PDB file of N, CA and C in Angstrom:
ATOM      1  N   UNK A   1     -81.064-139.540 103.967  1.00  0.00           N
ATOM      2  CA  UNK A   1     -80.175-138.400 104.044  1.00  0.00           C
ATOM      3  C   UNK A   1     -81.017-137.160 104.337  1.00  0.00           C
ATOM      4  N   UNK A   2     -80.514-136.319 105.201  1.00  0.00           N
ATOM      5  CA  UNK A   2     -81.211-135.078 105.539  1.00  0.00           C
ATOM      6  C   UNK A   2     -80.396-133.913 104.983  1.00  0.00           C
ATOM      7  N   UNK A   3     -81.079-133.019 104.285  1.00  0.00           N
ATOM      8  CA  UNK A   3     -80.451-131.814 103.751  1.00  0.00           C
ATOM      9  C   UNK A   3     -81.274-130.628 104.218  1.00  0.00           C
ATOM     10  N   UNK A   4     -80.614-129.673 104.854  1.00  0.00           N
ATOM     11  CA  UNK A   4     -81.298-128.465 105.305  1.00  0.00           C
ATOM     12  C   UNK A   4     -81.198-127.402 104.221  1.00  0.00           C
ATOM     13  N   UNK A   5     -82.344-126.863 103.829  1.00  0.00           N
ATOM     14  CA  UNK A   5     -82.406-125.825 102.804  1.00  0.00           C
ATOM     15  C   UNK A   5     -82.738-124.491 103.447  1.00  0.00           C
ATOM     16  N   UNK A   6     -82.261-123.440 102.830  1.00  0.00           N
ATOM     17  CA  UNK A   6     -82.632-122.115 103.320  1.00  0.00           C
ATOM     18  C   UNK A   6     -84.125-121.919 103.076  1.00  0.00           C
ATOM     19  N   UNK A   7     -84.771-121.057 103.841  1.00  0.00           N
ATOM     20  CA  UNK A   7     -86.194-120.809 103.615  1.00  0.00           C
ATOM     21  C   UNK A   7     -86.483-120.336 102.197  1.00  0.00           C
ATOM     22  N   UNK A   8     -85.574-119.555 101.631  1.00  0.00           N
ATOM     23  CA  UNK A   8     -85.786-119.049 100.262  1.00  0.00           C
ATOM     24  C   UNK A   8     -85.798-120.191  99.254  1.00  0.00           C
ATOM     25  N   UNK A   9     -84.821-121.084  99.362  1.00  0.00           N
ATOM     26  CA  UNK A   9     -84.743-122.208  98.424  1.00  0.00           C
ATOM     27  C   UNK A   9     -85.927-123.146  98.619  1.00  0.00           C
ATOM     28  N   UNK A  10     -86.289-123.416  99.861  1.00  0.00           N
ATOM     29  CA  UNK A  10     -87.439-124.284 100.127  1.00  0.00           C
ATOM     30  C   UNK A  10     -88.711-123.706  99.524  1.00  0.00           C
ATOM     31  N   UNK A  11     -88.896-122.400  99.650  1.00  0.00           N
ATOM     32  CA  UNK A  11     -90.092-121.756  99.092  1.00  0.00           C
ATOM     33  C   UNK A  11     -90.116-121.872  97.574  1.00  0.00           C
ATOM     34  N   UNK A  12     -88.967-121.699  96.941  1.00  0.00           N
ATOM     35  CA  UNK A  12     -88.893-121.803  95.479  1.00  0.00           C
ATOM     36  C   UNK A  12     -89.236-123.225  95.042  1.00  0.00           C
ATOM     37  N   UNK A  13     -88.668-124.219  95.726  1.00  0.00           N
ATOM     38  CA  UNK A  13     -88.947-125.607  95.367  1.00  0.00           C
ATOM     39  C   UNK A  13     -90.421-125.945  95.541  1.00  0.00           C
ATOM     40  N   UNK A  14     -91.010-125.507  96.650  1.00  0.00           N
ATOM     41  CA  UNK A  14     -92.435-125.769  96.890  1.00  0.00           C
ATOM     42  C   UNK A  14     -93.302-125.080  95.836  1.00  0.00           C
ATOM     43  N   UNK A  15     -92.911-123.877  95.423  1.00  0.00           N
ATOM     44  CA  UNK A  15     -93.651-123.158  94.389  1.00  0.00           C
ATOM     45  C   UNK A  15     -93.589-123.928  93.070  1.00  0.00           C
ATOM     46  N   UNK A  16     -92.409-124.462  92.735  1.00  0.00           N
ATOM     47  CA  UNK A  16     -92.272-125.219  91.491  1.00  0.00           C
ATOM     48  C   UNK A  16     -93.148-126.469  91.503  1.00  0.00           C
ATOM     49  N   UNK A  17     -93.237-127.115  92.648  1.00  0.00           N
ATOM     50  CA  UNK A  17     -94.104-128.290  92.757  1.00  0.00           C
ATOM     51  C   UNK A  17     -95.567-127.870  92.656  1.00  0.00           C
ATOM     52  N   UNK A  18     -95.944-126.798  93.340  1.00  0.00           N
ATOM     53  CA  UNK A  18     -97.331-126.321  93.306  1.00  0.00           C
ATOM     54  C   UNK A  18     -97.752-125.926  91.901  1.00  0.00           C
ATOM     55  N   UNK A  19     -96.819-125.404  91.118  1.00  0.00           N
ATOM     56  CA  UNK A  19     -97.131-124.997  89.742  1.00  0.00           C
ATOM     57  C   UNK A  19     -97.103-126.168  88.771  1.00  0.00           C
ATOM     58  N   UNK A  20     -96.785-127.362  89.269  1.00  0.00           N
ATOM     59  CA  UNK A  20     -96.802-128.547  88.427  1.00  0.00           C
ATOM     60  C   UNK A  20     -95.538-128.771  87.623  1.00  0.00           C
ATOM     61  N   UNK A  21     -94.485-128.022  87.911  1.00  0.00           N
ATOM     62  CA  UNK A  21     -93.236-128.218  87.179  1.00  0.00           C
ATOM     63  C   UNK A  21     -92.564-129.529  87.562  1.00  0.00           C
ATOM     64  N   UNK A  22     -92.779-129.951  88.806  1.00  0.00           N
ATOM     65  CA  UNK A  22     -92.233-131.205  89.306  1.00  0.00           C
ATOM     66  C   UNK A  22     -93.295-131.903  90.135  1.00  0.00           C
ATOM     67  N   UNK A  23     -93.145-133.222  90.255  1.00  0.00           N
ATOM     68  CA  UNK A  23     -94.093-133.999  91.046  1.00  0.00           C
ATOM     69  C   UNK A  23     -93.799-133.915  92.536  1.00  0.00           C
ATOM     70  N   UNK A  24     -92.558-133.591  92.893  1.00  0.00           N
ATOM     71  CA  UNK A  24     -92.179-133.540  94.306  1.00  0.00           C
ATOM     72  C   UNK A  24     -90.979-132.611  94.466  1.00  0.00           C
ATOM     73  N   UNK A  25     -90.745-132.200  95.706  1.00  0.00           N
ATOM     74  CA  UNK A  25     -89.560-131.389  96.008  1.00  0.00           C
ATOM     75  C   UNK A  25     -88.306-132.206  95.688  1.00  0.00           C
ATOM     76  N   UNK A  26     -88.336-133.497  95.992  1.00  0.00           N
ATOM     77  CA  UNK A  26     -87.183-134.354  95.717  1.00  0.00           C
ATOM     78  C   UNK A  26     -86.845-134.363  94.227  1.00  0.00           C
ATOM     79  N   UNK A  27     -87.868-134.394  93.378  1.00  0.00           N
ATOM     80  CA  UNK A  27     -87.648-134.382  91.934  1.00  0.00           C
ATOM     81  C   UNK A  27     -87.040-133.049  91.497  1.00  0.00           C
ATOM     82  N   UNK A  28     -87.509-131.955  92.073  1.00  0.00           N
ATOM     83  CA  UNK A  28     -86.970-130.634  91.735  1.00  0.00           C
ATOM     84  C   UNK A  28     -85.511-130.518  92.155  1.00  0.00           C
ATOM     85  N   UNK A  29     -85.179-131.034  93.339  1.00  0.00           N
ATOM     86  CA  UNK A  29     -83.787-131.003  93.805  1.00  0.00           C
ATOM     87  C   UNK A  29     -82.911-131.859  92.898  1.00  0.00           C
ATOM     88  N   UNK A  30     -83.396-133.039  92.533  1.00  0.00           N
ATOM     89  CA  UNK A  30     -82.623-133.908  91.636  1.00  0.00           C
ATOM     90  C   UNK A  30     -82.369-133.212  90.300  1.00  0.00           C
ATOM     91  N   UNK A  31     -83.367-132.522  89.782  1.00  0.00           N
ATOM     92  CA  UNK A  31     -83.193-131.804  88.516  1.00  0.00           C
ATOM     93  C   UNK A  31     -82.137-130.715  88.658  1.00  0.00           C
ATOM     94  N   UNK A  32     -82.153-130.026  89.784  1.00  0.00           N
ATOM     95  CA  UNK A  32     -81.163-128.969  90.005  1.00  0.00           C
ATOM     96  C   UNK A  32     -79.759-129.554  90.101  1.00  0.00           C
ATOM     97  N   UNK A  33     -79.621-130.659  90.780  1.00  0.00           N
ATOM     98  CA  UNK A  33     -78.304-131.276  90.960  1.00  0.00           C
ATOM     99  C   UNK A  33     -77.795-131.862  89.643  1.00  0.00           C
ATOM    100  N   UNK A  34     -78.678-132.503  88.907  1.00  0.00           N
ATOM    101  CA  UNK A  34     -78.271-133.144  87.664  1.00  0.00           C
ATOM    102  C   UNK A  34     -78.189-132.176  86.497  1.00  0.00           C
ATOM    103  N   UNK A  35     -78.641-130.950  86.701  1.00  0.00           N
ATOM    104  CA  UNK A  35     -78.492-129.925  85.676  1.00  0.00           C
ATOM    105  C   UNK A  35     -79.531-129.938  84.590  1.00  0.00           C
ATOM    106  N   UNK A  36     -80.685-130.492  84.850  1.00  0.00           N
ATOM    107  CA  UNK A  36     -81.712-130.480  83.821  1.00  0.00           C
ATOM    108  C   UNK A  36     -83.036-130.962  84.354  1.00  0.00           C
ATOM    109  N   UNK A  37     -84.086-130.760  83.593  1.00  0.00           N
ATOM    110  CA  UNK A  37     -85.409-131.190  84.042  1.00  0.00           C
ATOM    111  C   UNK A  37     -85.546-132.704  84.026  1.00  0.00           C
ATOM    112  N   UNK A  38     -86.320-133.211  84.964  1.00  0.00           N
ATOM    113  CA  UNK A  38     -86.620-134.638  84.999  1.00  0.00           C
ATOM    114  C   UNK A  38     -88.060-134.892  84.586  1.00  0.00           C
ATOM    115  N   UNK A  39     -88.639-133.946  83.877  1.00  0.00           N
ATOM    116  CA  UNK A  39     -90.011-134.067  83.418  1.00  0.00           C
ATOM    117  C   UNK A  39     -90.029-133.885  81.908  1.00  0.00           C
ATOM    118  N   UNK A  40     -91.112-134.298  81.307  1.00  0.00           N
ATOM    119  CA  UNK A  40     -91.251-134.112  79.871  1.00  0.00           C
ATOM    120  C   UNK A  40     -91.331-132.632  79.555  1.00  0.00           C
ATOM    121  N   UNK A  41     -90.611-132.174  78.545  1.00  0.00           N
ATOM    122  CA  UNK A  41     -90.692-130.753  78.189  1.00  0.00           C
ATOM    123  C   UNK A  41     -92.115-130.384  77.784  1.00  0.00           C
ATOM    124  N   UNK A  42     -92.518-129.192  78.165  1.00  0.00           N
ATOM    125  CA  UNK A  42     -93.832-128.686  77.787  1.00  0.00           C
ATOM    126  C   UNK A  42     -93.650-127.623  76.723  1.00  0.00           C
ATOM    127  N   UNK A  43     -94.726-127.301  76.038  1.00  0.00           N
ATOM    128  CA  UNK A  43     -94.668-126.232  75.041  1.00  0.00           C
ATOM    129  C   UNK A  43     -94.459-124.911  75.759  1.00  0.00           C
ATOM    130  N   UNK A  44     -93.327-124.309  75.544  1.00  0.00           N
ATOM    131  CA  UNK A  44     -92.993-123.051  76.210  1.00  0.00           C
ATOM    132  C   UNK A  44     -93.003-121.872  75.242  1.00  0.00           C
ATOM    133  N   UNK A  45     -93.665-122.031  74.107  1.00  0.00           N
ATOM    134  CA  UNK A  45     -93.700-120.945  73.125  1.00  0.00           C
ATOM    135  C   UNK A  45     -94.354-119.682  73.687  1.00  0.00           C
ATOM    136  N   UNK A  46     -95.240-119.855  74.672  1.00  0.00           N
ATOM    137  CA  UNK A  46     -95.891-118.712  75.304  1.00  0.00           C
ATOM    138  C   UNK A  46     -94.871-117.797  75.977  1.00  0.00           C
ATOM    139  N   UNK A  47     -93.698-118.334  76.315  1.00  0.00           N
ATOM    140  CA  UNK A  47     -92.690-117.563  77.044  1.00  0.00           C
ATOM    141  C   UNK A  47     -91.888-116.630  76.147  1.00  0.00           C
ATOM    142  N   UNK A  48     -91.963-116.808  74.837  1.00  0.00           N
ATOM    143  CA  UNK A  48     -91.141-116.014  73.917  1.00  0.00           C
ATOM    144  C   UNK A  48     -91.289-114.509  74.121  1.00  0.00           C
ATOM    145  N   UNK A  49     -92.494-113.965  74.257  1.00  0.00           N
ATOM    146  CA  UNK A  49     -92.599-112.514  74.472  1.00  0.00           C
ATOM    147  C   UNK A  49     -91.957-112.057  75.781  1.00  0.00           C
ATOM    148  N   UNK A  50     -92.052-112.889  76.806  1.00  0.00           N
ATOM    149  CA  UNK A  50     -91.438-112.536  78.086  1.00  0.00           C
ATOM    150  C   UNK A  50     -89.911-112.550  77.983  1.00  0.00           C
ATOM    151  N   UNK A  51     -89.378-113.510  77.241  1.00  0.00           N
ATOM    152  CA  UNK A  51     -87.931-113.559  77.042  1.00  0.00           C
ATOM    153  C   UNK A  51     -87.453-112.365  76.228  1.00  0.00           C
ATOM    154  N   UNK A  52     -88.222-111.981  75.216  1.00  0.00           N
ATOM    155  CA  UNK A  52     -87.865-110.806  74.423  1.00  0.00           C
ATOM    156  C   UNK A  52     -87.877-109.550  75.294  1.00  0.00           C
ATOM    157  N   UNK A  53     -88.869-109.441  76.159  1.00  0.00           N
ATOM    158  CA  UNK A  53     -88.942-108.296  77.069  1.00  0.00           C
ATOM    159  C   UNK A  53     -87.753-108.295  78.026  1.00  0.00           C
ATOM    160  N   UNK A  54     -87.391-109.471  78.531  1.00  0.00           N
ATOM    161  CA  UNK A  54     -86.238-109.572  79.436  1.00  0.00           C
ATOM    162  C   UNK A  54     -84.952-109.189  78.717  1.00  0.00           C
ATOM    163  N   UNK A  55     -84.788-109.654  77.494  1.00  0.00           N
ATOM    164  CA  UNK A  55     -83.605-109.280  76.707  1.00  0.00           C
ATOM    165  C   UNK A  55     -83.530-107.769  76.525  1.00  0.00           C
ATOM    166  N   UNK A  56     -84.670-107.152  76.247  1.00  0.00           N
ATOM    167  CA  UNK A  56     -84.709-105.706  76.070  1.00  0.00           C
ATOM    168  C   UNK A  56     -84.356-104.992  77.378  1.00  0.00           C
ATOM    169  N   UNK A  57     -84.876-105.480  78.496  1.00  0.00           N
ATOM    170  CA  UNK A  57     -84.552-104.897  79.797  1.00  0.00           C
ATOM    171  C   UNK A  57     -83.055-104.982  80.075  1.00  0.00           C
ATOM    172  N   UNK A  58     -82.455-106.129  79.796  1.00  0.00           N
ATOM    173  CA  UNK A  58     -81.018-106.295  80.020  1.00  0.00           C
ATOM    174  C   UNK A  58     -80.231-105.340  79.130  1.00  0.00           C
ATOM    175  N   UNK A  59     -80.621-105.285  77.871  1.00  0.00           N
ATOM    176  CA  UNK A  59     -79.922-104.413  76.916  1.00  0.00           C
ATOM    177  C   UNK A  59     -79.959-102.951  77.350  1.00  0.00           C
ATOM    178  N   UNK A  60     -81.047-102.542  78.005  1.00  0.00           N
ATOM    179  CA  UNK A  60     -81.205-101.143  78.407  1.00  0.00           C
ATOM    180  C   UNK A  60     -80.884-100.907  79.888  1.00  0.00           C
ATOM    181  N   UNK A  61     -80.267-101.897  80.531  1.00  0.00           N
ATOM    182  CA  UNK A  61     -79.815-101.719  81.906  1.00  0.00           C
ATOM    183  C   UNK A  61     -80.910-101.735  82.959  1.00  0.00           C
ATOM    184  N   UNK A  62     -82.073-102.231  82.612  1.00  0.00           N
ATOM    185  CA  UNK A  62     -83.176-102.311  83.577  1.00  0.00           C
ATOM    186  C   UNK A  62     -83.113-103.661  84.295  1.00  0.00           C
ATOM    187  N   UNK A  63     -82.155-103.763  85.209  1.00  0.00           N
ATOM    188  CA  UNK A  63     -81.955-105.003  85.948  1.00  0.00           C
ATOM    189  C   UNK A  63     -81.849-104.701  87.436  1.00  0.00           C
ATOM    190  N   UNK A  64     -81.888-105.762  88.245  1.00  0.00           N
ATOM    191  CA  UNK A  64     -81.717-105.631  89.695  1.00  0.00           C
ATOM    192  C   UNK A  64     -80.662-106.644  90.136  1.00  0.00           C
ATOM    193  N   UNK A  65     -80.140-106.451  91.328  1.00  0.00           N
ATOM    194  CA  UNK A  65     -79.150-107.376  91.873  1.00  0.00           C
ATOM    195  C   UNK A  65     -79.809-108.711  92.208  1.00  0.00           C
ATOM    196  N   UNK A  66     -78.976-109.719  92.413  1.00  0.00           N
ATOM    197  CA  UNK A  66     -79.483-111.037  92.807  1.00  0.00           C
ATOM    198  C   UNK A  66     -80.234-110.943  94.127  1.00  0.00           C
ATOM    199  N   UNK A  67     -79.685-110.187  95.079  1.00  0.00           N
ATOM    200  CA  UNK A  67     -80.353-110.049  96.379  1.00  0.00           C
ATOM    201  C   UNK A  67     -81.733-109.422  96.230  1.00  0.00           C
ATOM    202  N   UNK A  68     -81.838-108.389  95.407  1.00  0.00           N
ATOM    203  CA  UNK A  68     -83.128-107.734  95.179  1.00  0.00           C
ATOM    204  C   UNK A  68     -84.098-108.684  94.476  1.00  0.00           C
ATOM    205  N   UNK A  69     -83.600-109.449  93.515  1.00  0.00           N
ATOM    206  CA  UNK A  69     -84.451-110.397  92.801  1.00  0.00           C
ATOM    207  C   UNK A  69     -85.022-111.444  93.762  1.00  0.00           C
ATOM    208  N   UNK A  70     -84.165-111.991  94.652  1.00  0.00           N
ATOM    209  CA  UNK A  70     -84.647-112.972  95.623  1.00  0.00           C
ATOM    210  C   UNK A  70     -85.616-112.339  96.606  1.00  0.00           C
ATOM    211  N   UNK A  71     -85.359-111.109  97.012  1.00  0.00           N
ATOM    212  CA  UNK A  71     -86.275-110.426  97.933  1.00  0.00           C
ATOM    213  C   UNK A  71     -87.645-110.264  97.290  1.00  0.00           C
ATOM    214  N   UNK A  72     -87.668-109.876  96.023  1.00  0.00           N
ATOM    215  CA  UNK A  72     -88.946-109.723  95.313  1.00  0.00           C
ATOM    216  C   UNK A  72     -89.659-111.064  95.176  1.00  0.00           C
ATOM    217  N   UNK A  73     -88.886-112.113  94.881  1.00  0.00           N
ATOM    218  CA  UNK A  73     -89.471-113.441  94.746  1.00  0.00           C
ATOM    219  C   UNK A  73     -90.083-113.893  96.061  1.00  0.00           C
ATOM    220  N   UNK A  74     -89.379-113.654  97.144  1.00  0.00           N
ATOM    221  CA  UNK A  74     -89.882-114.060  98.452  1.00  0.00           C
ATOM    222  C   UNK A  74     -91.133-113.265  98.829  1.00  0.00           C
ATOM    223  N   UNK A  75     -91.199-111.996  98.432  1.00  0.00           N
ATOM    224  CA  UNK A  75     -92.406-111.219  98.664  1.00  0.00           C
ATOM    225  C   UNK A  75     -93.571-111.817  97.877  1.00  0.00           C
ATOM    226  N   UNK A  76     -93.262-112.331  96.696  1.00  0.00           N
ATOM    227  CA  UNK A  76     -94.295-112.902  95.824  1.00  0.00           C
ATOM    228  C   UNK A  76     -94.809-114.242  96.361  1.00  0.00           C
ATOM    229  N   UNK A  77     -93.904-115.128  96.759  1.00  0.00           N
ATOM    230  CA  UNK A  77     -94.317-116.460  97.194  1.00  0.00           C
ATOM    231  C   UNK A  77     -94.618-116.529  98.675  1.00  0.00           C
ATOM    232  N   UNK A  78     -94.165-115.537  99.436  1.00  0.00           N
ATOM    233  CA  UNK A  78     -94.401-115.523 100.879  1.00  0.00           C
ATOM    234  C   UNK A  78     -93.388-116.354 101.618  1.00  0.00           C
ATOM    235  N   UNK A  79     -93.161-115.983 102.809  1.00  0.00           N
ATOM    236  CA  UNK A  79     -92.202-116.719 103.658  1.00  0.00           C
ATOM    237  C   UNK A  79     -92.978-117.652 104.565  1.00  0.00           C
ATOM    238  N   UNK A  80     -92.356-118.780 104.880  1.00  0.00           N
ATOM    239  CA  UNK A  80     -92.992-119.766 105.772  1.00  0.00           C
ATOM    240  C   UNK A  80     -92.341-119.731 107.120  1.00  0.00           C
TER     241      UNK A  80
END
């Protein structure tokens, strides 16, 4: 089966594989479709301060639109 992905989605999937979150793009897509990770959970306690900061940003209205968030992400990971 062939599925065409937008460049933005393809870049995100490749980044997740490069960071070791998934073994392959296919595994990342399957996780997205099935609604959960297909890998063993890792210790994510390091993320707690970042989540607290994000909660504070949301509470104080320091947010951006979805389009702006994707644009920033694409600037970070680069376009192919």
